[in-house]
Amino acid sequence: LIHHLFQFLEQFLLAGFARFMEQWQNVDYLQGKLIRVNQQNHSLSGYACGITELGQLCLKDEQGKTHYLSTGDTSL
């Protein structure tokens, strides 16, 4: 396990998260689901549209605006 983790860490350090984007998209449970993200002062609802190469959650709200979120509690 540690050997595999070390290999993935080396790949991440060399190529960043972009190296893992396709794999992530294949197992992204939230993709296309209606979700709510609660943040400190407000909440957003919309459809999960995957993540960015920076690991931000993409959420498209009911008005069609896309939000890129780095923090928050997500629920279905």
N, C-alpha and C. Protein backbone atom coordinates (compact mmCIF):
# COMPACT_ATOMS: atom_id res chain seq x y z
N LEU A 1 0.84 -1.19 0.00
CA LEU A 1 0.00 0.00 0.00
C LEU A 1 0.88 1.25 0.00
N ILE A 2 1.86 1.28 0.87
CA ILE A 2 2.74 2.44 0.95
C ILE A 2 3.49 2.64 -0.36
N HIS A 3 3.92 1.54 -0.96
CA HIS A 3 4.63 1.63 -2.25
C HIS A 3 3.74 2.29 -3.30
N HIS A 4 2.46 1.88 -3.38
CA HIS A 4 1.53 2.46 -4.36
C HIS A 4 1.25 3.93 -4.05
N LEU A 5 1.08 4.24 -2.79
CA LEU A 5 0.85 5.64 -2.41
C LEU A 5 2.05 6.51 -2.81
N PHE A 6 3.24 5.99 -2.60
CA PHE A 6 4.44 6.72 -2.97
C PHE A 6 4.50 6.95 -4.48
N GLN A 7 4.12 5.94 -5.26
CA GLN A 7 4.10 6.09 -6.72
C GLN A 7 3.11 7.17 -7.15
N PHE A 8 1.91 7.15 -6.57
CA PHE A 8 0.91 8.16 -6.91
C PHE A 8 1.37 9.55 -6.49
N LEU A 9 2.01 9.65 -5.34
CA LEU A 9 2.52 10.94 -4.89
C LEU A 9 3.57 11.47 -5.85
N GLU A 10 4.46 10.62 -6.31
CA GLU A 10 5.46 11.04 -7.29
C GLU A 10 4.80 11.54 -8.57
N GLN A 11 3.78 10.82 -9.06
CA GLN A 11 3.06 11.25 -10.26
C GLN A 11 2.38 12.59 -10.04
N PHE A 12 1.79 12.76 -8.87
CA PHE A 12 1.12 14.02 -8.54
C PHE A 12 2.11 15.17 -8.51
N LEU A 13 3.27 14.95 -7.92
CA LEU A 13 4.28 16.01 -7.84
C LEU A 13 4.82 16.38 -9.22
N LEU A 14 4.89 15.41 -10.12
CA LEU A 14 5.41 15.67 -11.46
C LEU A 14 4.37 16.30 -12.39
N ALA A 15 3.13 15.82 -12.33
CA ALA A 15 2.12 16.24 -13.31
C ALA A 15 0.92 16.96 -12.70
N GLY A 16 0.84 17.00 -11.38
CA GLY A 16 -0.31 17.63 -10.75
C GLY A 16 -1.55 16.77 -10.84
N PHE A 17 -2.66 17.34 -10.44
CA PHE A 17 -3.91 16.59 -10.42
C PHE A 17 -4.39 16.24 -11.83
N ALA A 18 -3.94 16.97 -12.83
CA ALA A 18 -4.36 16.71 -14.21
C ALA A 18 -4.11 15.25 -14.59
N ARG A 19 -3.07 14.66 -14.02
CA ARG A 19 -2.74 13.27 -14.30
C ARG A 19 -3.85 12.32 -13.86
N PHE A 20 -4.67 12.73 -12.89
CA PHE A 20 -5.69 11.87 -12.30
C PHE A 20 -7.12 12.27 -12.68
N MET A 21 -7.28 13.33 -13.47
CA MET A 21 -8.63 13.85 -13.79
C MET A 21 -9.54 12.78 -14.41
N GLU A 22 -9.06 12.05 -15.39
CA GLU A 22 -9.90 11.06 -16.06
C GLU A 22 -10.34 9.97 -15.09
N GLN A 23 -9.42 9.51 -14.27
CA GLN A 23 -9.77 8.50 -13.27
C GLN A 23 -10.81 9.04 -12.30
N TRP A 24 -10.64 10.29 -11.88
CA TRP A 24 -11.59 10.90 -10.95
C TRP A 24 -12.98 10.96 -11.59
N GLN A 25 -13.06 11.39 -12.84
CA GLN A 25 -14.34 11.53 -13.51
C GLN A 25 -15.07 10.19 -13.61
N ASN A 26 -14.33 9.10 -13.74
CA ASN A 26 -14.93 7.78 -13.85
C ASN A 26 -15.58 7.30 -12.56
N VAL A 27 -15.19 7.86 -11.42
CA VAL A 27 -15.74 7.42 -10.14
C VAL A 27 -16.41 8.55 -9.36
N ASP A 28 -16.65 9.69 -9.99
CA ASP A 28 -17.23 10.86 -9.32
C ASP A 28 -18.71 10.61 -9.04
N TYR A 29 -19.04 10.30 -7.79
CA TYR A 29 -20.41 9.97 -7.42
C TYR A 29 -21.36 11.17 -7.55
N LEU A 30 -20.87 12.37 -7.31
CA LEU A 30 -21.74 13.54 -7.32
C LEU A 30 -22.05 14.06 -8.72
N GLN A 31 -21.27 13.68 -9.72
CA GLN A 31 -21.42 14.19 -11.09
C GLN A 31 -22.89 14.13 -11.55
N GLY A 32 -23.43 15.29 -11.88
CA GLY A 32 -24.79 15.38 -12.41
C GLY A 32 -25.90 15.35 -11.38
N LYS A 33 -25.55 15.19 -10.11
CA LYS A 33 -26.57 15.12 -9.06
C LYS A 33 -26.89 16.52 -8.53
N LEU A 34 -28.14 16.68 -8.10
CA LEU A 34 -28.56 17.91 -7.44
C LEU A 34 -28.02 17.91 -6.03
N ILE A 35 -27.23 18.93 -5.68
CA ILE A 35 -26.59 18.99 -4.38
C ILE A 35 -26.80 20.36 -3.74
N ARG A 36 -26.51 20.42 -2.46
CA ARG A 36 -26.50 21.68 -1.72
C ARG A 36 -25.15 21.78 -1.04
N VAL A 37 -24.52 22.95 -1.15
CA VAL A 37 -23.25 23.19 -0.48
C VAL A 37 -23.46 24.30 0.53
N ASN A 38 -23.26 23.97 1.79
CA ASN A 38 -23.38 24.95 2.87
C ASN A 38 -22.00 25.49 3.19
N GLN A 39 -21.91 26.82 3.15
CA GLN A 39 -20.68 27.50 3.53
C GLN A 39 -20.98 28.34 4.76
N GLN A 40 -19.98 29.01 5.27
CA GLN A 40 -20.11 29.74 6.51
C GLN A 40 -21.33 30.67 6.55
N ASN A 41 -21.50 31.51 5.52
CA ASN A 41 -22.54 32.53 5.57
C ASN A 41 -23.70 32.29 4.62
N HIS A 42 -23.62 31.27 3.78
CA HIS A 42 -24.70 31.03 2.83
C HIS A 42 -24.63 29.61 2.29
N SER A 43 -25.63 29.25 1.49
CA SER A 43 -25.62 27.94 0.86
C SER A 43 -25.99 28.10 -0.61
N LEU A 44 -25.54 27.16 -1.41
CA LEU A 44 -25.82 27.13 -2.84
C LEU A 44 -26.41 25.78 -3.20
N SER A 45 -27.36 25.78 -4.12
CA SER A 45 -27.93 24.54 -4.63
C SER A 45 -27.73 24.51 -6.13
N GLY A 46 -27.55 23.33 -6.67
CA GLY A 46 -27.40 23.18 -8.11
C GLY A 46 -26.90 21.79 -8.44
N TYR A 47 -26.45 21.63 -9.66
CA TYR A 47 -25.98 20.34 -10.14
C TYR A 47 -24.46 20.29 -10.12
N ALA A 48 -23.92 19.20 -9.57
CA ALA A 48 -22.48 18.99 -9.54
C ALA A 48 -21.98 18.75 -10.95
N CYS A 49 -20.93 19.45 -11.34
CA CYS A 49 -20.37 19.35 -12.69
C CYS A 49 -18.91 18.91 -12.65
N GLY A 50 -18.54 18.12 -11.65
CA GLY A 50 -17.17 17.64 -11.56
C GLY A 50 -16.30 18.57 -10.76
N ILE A 51 -14.98 18.44 -10.97
CA ILE A 51 -14.03 19.29 -10.26
C ILE A 51 -13.02 19.84 -11.25
N THR A 52 -12.34 20.89 -10.84
CA THR A 52 -11.30 21.50 -11.65
C THR A 52 -9.96 20.83 -11.36
N GLU A 53 -8.94 21.19 -12.11
CA GLU A 53 -7.60 20.65 -11.87
C GLU A 53 -7.03 21.11 -10.54
N LEU A 54 -7.66 22.13 -9.94
CA LEU A 54 -7.24 22.59 -8.62
C LEU A 54 -8.02 21.90 -7.51
N GLY A 55 -8.93 21.00 -7.88
CA GLY A 55 -9.72 20.28 -6.90
C GLY A 55 -10.97 21.01 -6.44
N GLN A 56 -11.33 22.10 -7.12
CA GLN A 56 -12.54 22.84 -6.76
C GLN A 56 -13.77 22.13 -7.32
N LEU A 57 -14.82 22.08 -6.52
CA LEU A 57 -16.10 21.53 -6.97
C LEU A 57 -16.78 22.52 -7.90
N CYS A 58 -17.24 22.07 -9.05
CA CYS A 58 -18.01 22.91 -9.98
C CYS A 58 -19.49 22.66 -9.72
N LEU A 59 -20.24 23.72 -9.53
CA LEU A 59 -21.67 23.62 -9.27
C LEU A 59 -22.39 24.60 -10.18
N LYS A 60 -23.35 24.11 -10.94
CA LYS A 60 -24.14 24.97 -11.81
C LYS A 60 -25.49 25.22 -11.12
N ASP A 61 -25.77 26.48 -10.81
CA ASP A 61 -27.00 26.80 -10.08
C ASP A 61 -28.21 26.84 -11.02
N GLU A 62 -29.38 27.12 -10.45
CA GLU A 62 -30.63 27.11 -11.21
C GLU A 62 -30.69 28.20 -12.27
N GLN A 63 -29.87 29.24 -12.14
CA GLN A 63 -29.82 30.31 -13.14
C GLN A 63 -28.79 30.01 -14.23
N GLY A 64 -28.09 28.89 -14.12
CA GLY A 64 -27.11 28.52 -15.12
C GLY A 64 -25.71 29.04 -14.84
N LYS A 65 -25.52 29.72 -13.72
CA LYS A 65 -24.20 30.24 -13.36
C LYS A 65 -23.37 29.13 -12.73
N THR A 66 -22.10 29.04 -13.13
CA THR A 66 -21.20 28.04 -12.58
C THR A 66 -20.39 28.64 -11.44
N HIS A 67 -20.35 27.93 -10.33
CA HIS A 67 -19.59 28.33 -9.15
C HIS A 67 -18.47 27.33 -8.95
N TYR A 68 -17.32 27.81 -8.52
CA TYR A 68 -16.16 26.96 -8.23
C TYR A 68 -15.89 27.06 -6.73
N LEU A 69 -16.06 25.96 -6.03
CA LEU A 69 -16.04 25.97 -4.58
C LEU A 69 -14.86 25.18 -4.02
N SER A 70 -14.18 25.77 -3.06
CA SER A 70 -13.04 25.11 -2.42
C SER A 70 -13.39 24.61 -1.03
N THR A 71 -14.45 25.15 -0.43
CA THR A 71 -14.84 24.74 0.92
C THR A 71 -16.35 24.62 1.00
N GLY A 72 -16.81 23.91 2.02
CA GLY A 72 -18.23 23.79 2.27
C GLY A 72 -18.62 22.35 2.57
N ASP A 73 -19.77 22.20 3.18
CA ASP A 73 -20.35 20.89 3.46
C ASP A 73 -21.35 20.58 2.37
N THR A 74 -21.17 19.45 1.72
CA THR A 74 -22.01 19.07 0.59
C THR A 74 -23.00 17.99 0.99
N SER A 75 -24.25 18.16 0.55
CA SER A 75 -25.27 17.13 0.79
C SER A 75 -26.12 16.96 -0.46
N LEU A 76 -26.70 15.78 -0.57
CA LEU A 76 -27.58 15.46 -1.71
C LEU A 76 -28.99 15.88 -1.41
